[in-house]
Amino acid sequence: MKDEVATGQRLQRAMENTGLFPNMVVQMIAVGEESGSLDTMSAKVAEFYEAEVDNAVDGMASLMEPMIMAVLGCTGRRHGHRHVPAHLQARPGDLSRFQT
């Protein structure tokens, strides 16, 4: 793609030839090239895909949150069952300070 643009071919055509870019992106770049506002169109494409990534990450986090809570709950429960009973066992003389 770099070589094609370096030899004078339009960026839109070079992007089309790679087959890596979605049609919407290629069309927006074509409009930017024709209107002389390639930087503005590139920024709009970047904003669109940034919003898409943000939405995907938010959705993934929402799906993972219940699993994380379950793992933390099981870990905490296992730790509690192992250690709390030993702390709650009263030894002779431990309760004498609470008697009047």
N, C-alpha and C. Protein backbone atom coordinates (compact mmCIF):
# COMPACT_ATOMS: atom_id res chain seq x y z
N MET A 1 0.82 -1.17 0.00
CA MET A 1 0.00 0.00 0.00
C MET A 1 0.88 1.26 0.00
N LYS A 2 1.93 1.21 0.79
CA LYS A 2 2.84 2.35 0.86
C LYS A 2 3.46 2.64 -0.51
N ASP A 3 3.89 1.59 -1.20
CA ASP A 3 4.51 1.76 -2.51
C ASP A 3 3.51 2.31 -3.53
N GLU A 4 2.26 1.84 -3.45
CA GLU A 4 1.25 2.32 -4.39
C GLU A 4 1.01 3.82 -4.22
N VAL A 5 0.89 4.26 -2.96
CA VAL A 5 0.65 5.68 -2.71
C VAL A 5 1.89 6.49 -3.09
N ALA A 6 3.07 5.93 -2.85
CA ALA A 6 4.32 6.63 -3.18
C ALA A 6 4.46 6.85 -4.69
N THR A 7 3.89 5.95 -5.49
CA THR A 7 3.98 6.09 -6.95
C THR A 7 2.85 6.94 -7.52
N GLY A 8 2.00 7.51 -6.65
CA GLY A 8 0.98 8.43 -7.12
C GLY A 8 -0.43 7.90 -7.14
N GLN A 9 -0.63 6.65 -6.75
CA GLN A 9 -1.98 6.11 -6.74
C GLN A 9 -2.75 6.69 -5.54
N ARG A 10 -4.05 6.85 -5.71
CA ARG A 10 -4.86 7.40 -4.63
C ARG A 10 -4.88 6.43 -3.44
N LEU A 11 -4.95 7.00 -2.24
CA LEU A 11 -5.00 6.21 -1.01
C LEU A 11 -6.22 5.29 -1.00
N GLN A 12 -7.33 5.81 -1.45
CA GLN A 12 -8.56 5.01 -1.50
C GLN A 12 -8.37 3.76 -2.35
N ARG A 13 -7.73 3.89 -3.51
CA ARG A 13 -7.51 2.75 -4.40
C ARG A 13 -6.53 1.76 -3.77
N ALA A 14 -5.50 2.26 -3.14
CA ALA A 14 -4.53 1.39 -2.49
C ALA A 14 -5.18 0.61 -1.33
N MET A 15 -6.05 1.29 -0.59
CA MET A 15 -6.76 0.62 0.50
C MET A 15 -7.70 -0.46 -0.03
N GLU A 16 -8.37 -0.16 -1.12
CA GLU A 16 -9.27 -1.14 -1.76
C GLU A 16 -8.51 -2.38 -2.20
N ASN A 17 -7.33 -2.16 -2.76
CA ASN A 17 -6.54 -3.29 -3.29
C ASN A 17 -6.07 -4.25 -2.20
N THR A 18 -5.87 -3.75 -0.99
CA THR A 18 -5.42 -4.64 0.08
C THR A 18 -6.52 -5.58 0.55
N GLY A 19 -7.76 -5.11 0.52
CA GLY A 19 -8.87 -5.93 1.01
C GLY A 19 -8.93 -6.00 2.53
N LEU A 20 -8.14 -5.18 3.22
CA LEU A 20 -8.08 -5.21 4.67
C LEU A 20 -9.05 -4.24 5.34
N PHE A 21 -9.52 -3.26 4.60
CA PHE A 21 -10.32 -2.20 5.19
C PHE A 21 -11.79 -2.39 4.85
N PRO A 22 -12.67 -2.09 5.81
CA PRO A 22 -14.12 -2.16 5.52
C PRO A 22 -14.50 -1.14 4.44
N ASN A 23 -15.55 -1.44 3.71
CA ASN A 23 -15.99 -0.59 2.61
C ASN A 23 -16.29 0.83 3.08
N MET A 24 -16.90 0.97 4.27
CA MET A 24 -17.23 2.29 4.78
C MET A 24 -15.97 3.15 4.95
N VAL A 25 -14.90 2.55 5.44
CA VAL A 25 -13.65 3.29 5.64
C VAL A 25 -13.09 3.74 4.29
N VAL A 26 -13.09 2.85 3.34
CA VAL A 26 -12.57 3.18 2.01
C VAL A 26 -13.38 4.31 1.39
N GLN A 27 -14.70 4.25 1.53
CA GLN A 27 -15.55 5.30 0.97
C GLN A 27 -15.32 6.64 1.65
N MET A 28 -15.16 6.62 2.98
CA MET A 28 -14.92 7.89 3.69
C MET A 28 -13.56 8.49 3.30
N ILE A 29 -12.57 7.63 3.11
CA ILE A 29 -11.25 8.12 2.68
C ILE A 29 -11.36 8.70 1.26
N ALA A 30 -12.16 8.05 0.41
CA ALA A 30 -12.36 8.56 -0.95
C ALA A 30 -13.00 9.95 -0.91
N VAL A 31 -14.01 10.14 -0.08
CA VAL A 31 -14.67 11.44 0.04
C VAL A 31 -13.67 12.47 0.56
N GLY A 32 -12.86 12.07 1.53
CA GLY A 32 -11.85 12.98 2.08
C GLY A 32 -10.82 13.39 1.04
N GLU A 33 -10.40 12.44 0.21
CA GLU A 33 -9.43 12.77 -0.84
C GLU A 33 -10.05 13.72 -1.88
N GLU A 34 -11.29 13.44 -2.27
CA GLU A 34 -11.93 14.25 -3.30
C GLU A 34 -12.24 15.67 -2.81
N SER A 35 -12.58 15.79 -1.54
CA SER A 35 -12.98 17.10 -1.01
C SER A 35 -11.81 17.87 -0.42
N GLY A 36 -10.65 17.24 -0.32
CA GLY A 36 -9.48 17.91 0.24
C GLY A 36 -9.49 17.94 1.77
N SER A 37 -10.31 17.11 2.36
CA SER A 37 -10.38 17.08 3.84
C SER A 37 -10.10 15.67 4.35
N LEU A 38 -9.00 15.11 3.88
CA LEU A 38 -8.64 13.75 4.26
C LEU A 38 -8.39 13.65 5.77
N ASP A 39 -7.80 14.68 6.36
CA ASP A 39 -7.54 14.65 7.79
C ASP A 39 -8.83 14.61 8.59
N THR A 40 -9.85 15.37 8.16
CA THR A 40 -11.13 15.37 8.87
C THR A 40 -11.83 14.02 8.75
N MET A 41 -11.81 13.47 7.56
CA MET A 41 -12.45 12.16 7.35
C MET A 41 -11.72 11.06 8.12
N SER A 42 -10.41 11.13 8.15
CA SER A 42 -9.64 10.14 8.91
C SER A 42 -9.97 10.24 10.40
N ALA A 43 -10.14 11.46 10.88
CA ALA A 43 -10.49 11.65 12.29
C ALA A 43 -11.88 11.08 12.58
N LYS A 44 -12.81 11.25 11.65
CA LYS A 44 -14.16 10.71 11.83
C LYS A 44 -14.14 9.18 11.86
N VAL A 45 -13.34 8.59 10.98
CA VAL A 45 -13.20 7.12 10.98
C VAL A 45 -12.62 6.66 12.32
N ALA A 46 -11.60 7.36 12.79
CA ALA A 46 -10.97 6.99 14.06
C ALA A 46 -11.96 7.11 15.22
N GLU A 47 -12.76 8.17 15.24
CA GLU A 47 -13.75 8.35 16.30
C GLU A 47 -14.78 7.23 16.29
N PHE A 48 -15.23 6.86 15.09
CA PHE A 48 -16.22 5.80 14.95
C PHE A 48 -15.69 4.49 15.52
N TYR A 49 -14.48 4.11 15.12
CA TYR A 49 -13.93 2.84 15.57
C TYR A 49 -13.52 2.88 17.04
N GLU A 50 -13.14 4.05 17.54
CA GLU A 50 -12.85 4.17 18.97
C GLU A 50 -14.11 3.93 19.79
N ALA A 51 -15.23 4.46 19.33
CA ALA A 51 -16.51 4.21 20.01
C ALA A 51 -16.88 2.74 19.94
N GLU A 52 -16.62 2.10 18.81
CA GLU A 52 -16.91 0.67 18.67
C GLU A 52 -16.09 -0.16 19.67
N VAL A 53 -14.82 0.17 19.80
CA VAL A 53 -13.95 -0.55 20.73
C VAL A 53 -14.41 -0.32 22.17
N ASP A 54 -14.75 0.92 22.50
CA ASP A 54 -15.24 1.22 23.85
C ASP A 54 -16.49 0.42 24.18
N ASN A 55 -17.42 0.35 23.23
CA ASN A 55 -18.65 -0.42 23.45
C ASN A 55 -18.35 -1.90 23.62
N ALA A 56 -17.43 -2.43 22.83
CA ALA A 56 -17.09 -3.85 22.94
C ALA A 56 -16.43 -4.14 24.29
N VAL A 57 -15.54 -3.28 24.74
CA VAL A 57 -14.87 -3.47 26.03
C VAL A 57 -15.89 -3.39 27.17
N ASP A 58 -16.80 -2.42 27.10
CA ASP A 58 -17.83 -2.30 28.13
C ASP A 58 -18.71 -3.56 28.18
N GLY A 59 -19.07 -4.06 27.02
CA GLY A 59 -19.88 -5.28 26.97
C GLY A 59 -19.14 -6.48 27.53
N MET A 60 -17.87 -6.59 27.21
CA MET A 60 -17.07 -7.71 27.72
C MET A 60 -16.92 -7.62 29.23
N ALA A 61 -16.72 -6.41 29.74
CA ALA A 61 -16.59 -6.23 31.19
C ALA A 61 -17.89 -6.60 31.88
N SER A 62 -19.01 -6.25 31.29
CA SER A 62 -20.31 -6.60 31.87
C SER A 62 -20.51 -8.10 31.91
N LEU A 63 -20.01 -8.81 30.91
CA LEU A 63 -20.13 -10.26 30.90
C LEU A 63 -19.19 -10.93 31.89
N MET A 64 -18.02 -10.34 32.11
CA MET A 64 -17.03 -10.95 32.99
C MET A 64 -17.29 -10.65 34.47
N GLU A 65 -17.98 -9.58 34.77
CA GLU A 65 -18.18 -9.16 36.15
C GLU A 65 -18.83 -10.25 37.02
N PRO A 66 -19.90 -10.91 36.58
CA PRO A 66 -20.48 -11.96 37.43
C PRO A 66 -19.51 -13.12 37.70
N MET A 67 -18.71 -13.48 36.69
CA MET A 67 -17.74 -14.56 36.89
C MET A 67 -16.68 -14.16 37.91
N ILE A 68 -16.21 -12.92 37.83
CA ILE A 68 -15.20 -12.45 38.78
C ILE A 68 -15.77 -12.46 40.20
N MET A 69 -17.01 -12.00 40.35
CA MET A 69 -17.64 -11.98 41.68
C MET A 69 -17.79 -13.40 42.23
N ALA A 70 -18.14 -14.36 41.37
CA ALA A 70 -18.29 -15.75 41.82
C ALA A 70 -16.96 -16.31 42.28
N VAL A 71 -15.91 -16.05 41.52
CA VAL A 71 -14.58 -16.54 41.91
C VAL A 71 -14.14 -15.91 43.23
N LEU A 72 -14.33 -14.61 43.37
CA LEU A 72 -13.96 -13.95 44.63
C LEU A 72 -14.79 -14.47 45.79
N GLY A 73 -16.08 -14.72 45.55
CA GLY A 73 -16.94 -15.25 46.60
C GLY A 73 -16.50 -16.62 47.05
N CYS A 74 -16.16 -17.49 46.10
CA CYS A 74 -15.70 -18.84 46.46
C CYS A 74 -14.36 -18.80 47.18
N THR A 75 -13.49 -17.94 46.73
CA THR A 75 -12.17 -17.83 47.37
C THR A 75 -12.32 -17.31 48.79
N GLY A 76 -13.14 -16.29 48.97
CA GLY A 76 -13.36 -15.74 50.30
C GLY A 76 -14.04 -16.73 51.22
N ARG A 77 -14.98 -17.48 50.70
CA ARG A 77 -15.69 -18.48 51.50
C ARG A 77 -14.72 -19.57 51.94
N ARG A 78 -13.87 -20.02 51.03
CA ARG A 78 -12.92 -21.08 51.38
C ARG A 78 -11.96 -20.57 52.45
N HIS A 79 -11.48 -19.35 52.30
CA HIS A 79 -10.57 -18.78 53.27
C HIS A 79 -11.28 -18.63 54.62
N GLY A 80 -12.51 -18.17 54.60
CA GLY A 80 -13.27 -17.97 55.83
C GLY A 80 -13.53 -19.27 56.56
N HIS A 81 -13.90 -20.31 55.85
CA HIS A 81 -14.17 -21.60 56.49
C HIS A 81 -12.92 -22.19 57.11
N ARG A 82 -11.78 -21.88 56.55
CA ARG A 82 -10.54 -22.43 57.06
C ARG A 82 -10.04 -21.70 58.30
N HIS A 83 -10.22 -20.40 58.36
CA HIS A 83 -9.58 -19.61 59.40
C HIS A 83 -10.52 -19.06 60.47
N VAL A 84 -11.75 -18.74 60.13
CA VAL A 84 -12.65 -18.12 61.10
C VAL A 84 -12.98 -19.05 62.26
N PRO A 85 -13.31 -20.33 62.05
CA PRO A 85 -13.64 -21.16 63.21
C PRO A 85 -12.51 -21.22 64.24
N ALA A 86 -11.29 -21.23 63.82
CA ALA A 86 -10.17 -21.27 64.76
C ALA A 86 -10.13 -20.00 65.60
N HIS A 87 -10.49 -18.89 65.02
CA HIS A 87 -10.48 -17.63 65.76
C HIS A 87 -11.65 -17.52 66.72
N LEU A 88 -12.72 -18.22 66.44
CA LEU A 88 -13.92 -18.12 67.27
C LEU A 88 -13.92 -19.09 68.44
N GLN A 89 -13.03 -20.05 68.44
CA GLN A 89 -13.00 -20.99 69.55
C GLN A 89 -12.51 -20.29 70.80
N ALA A 90 -13.30 -20.41 71.87
CA ALA A 90 -12.93 -19.77 73.13
C ALA A 90 -11.99 -20.68 73.92
N ARG A 91 -10.99 -20.08 74.48
CA ARG A 91 -10.06 -20.82 75.34
C ARG A 91 -10.40 -20.46 76.79
N PRO A 92 -10.07 -21.34 77.72
CA PRO A 92 -10.34 -21.02 79.13
C PRO A 92 -9.68 -19.71 79.51
N GLY A 93 -10.41 -18.87 80.14
CA GLY A 93 -9.89 -17.58 80.58
C GLY A 93 -10.08 -16.47 79.58
N ASP A 94 -10.41 -16.80 78.32
CA ASP A 94 -10.59 -15.76 77.31
C ASP A 94 -11.81 -14.89 77.61
N LEU A 95 -12.84 -15.49 78.16
CA LEU A 95 -14.08 -14.76 78.38
C LEU A 95 -14.13 -14.13 79.78
N SER A 96 -13.14 -14.40 80.62
CA SER A 96 -13.19 -13.90 82.00
C SER A 96 -13.16 -12.37 82.05
N ARG A 97 -12.54 -11.74 81.10
CA ARG A 97 -12.48 -10.27 81.13
C ARG A 97 -13.83 -9.63 80.83
N PHE A 98 -14.76 -10.39 80.24
CA PHE A 98 -16.08 -9.86 79.92
C PHE A 98 -17.07 -10.07 81.06
N GLN A 99 -16.71 -10.85 82.07
CA GLN A 99 -17.62 -11.11 83.19
C GLN A 99 -17.53 -10.00 84.21
N THR A 100 -18.65 -9.66 84.83
CA THR A 100 -18.64 -8.58 85.84
C THR A 100 -18.48 -9.11 87.24
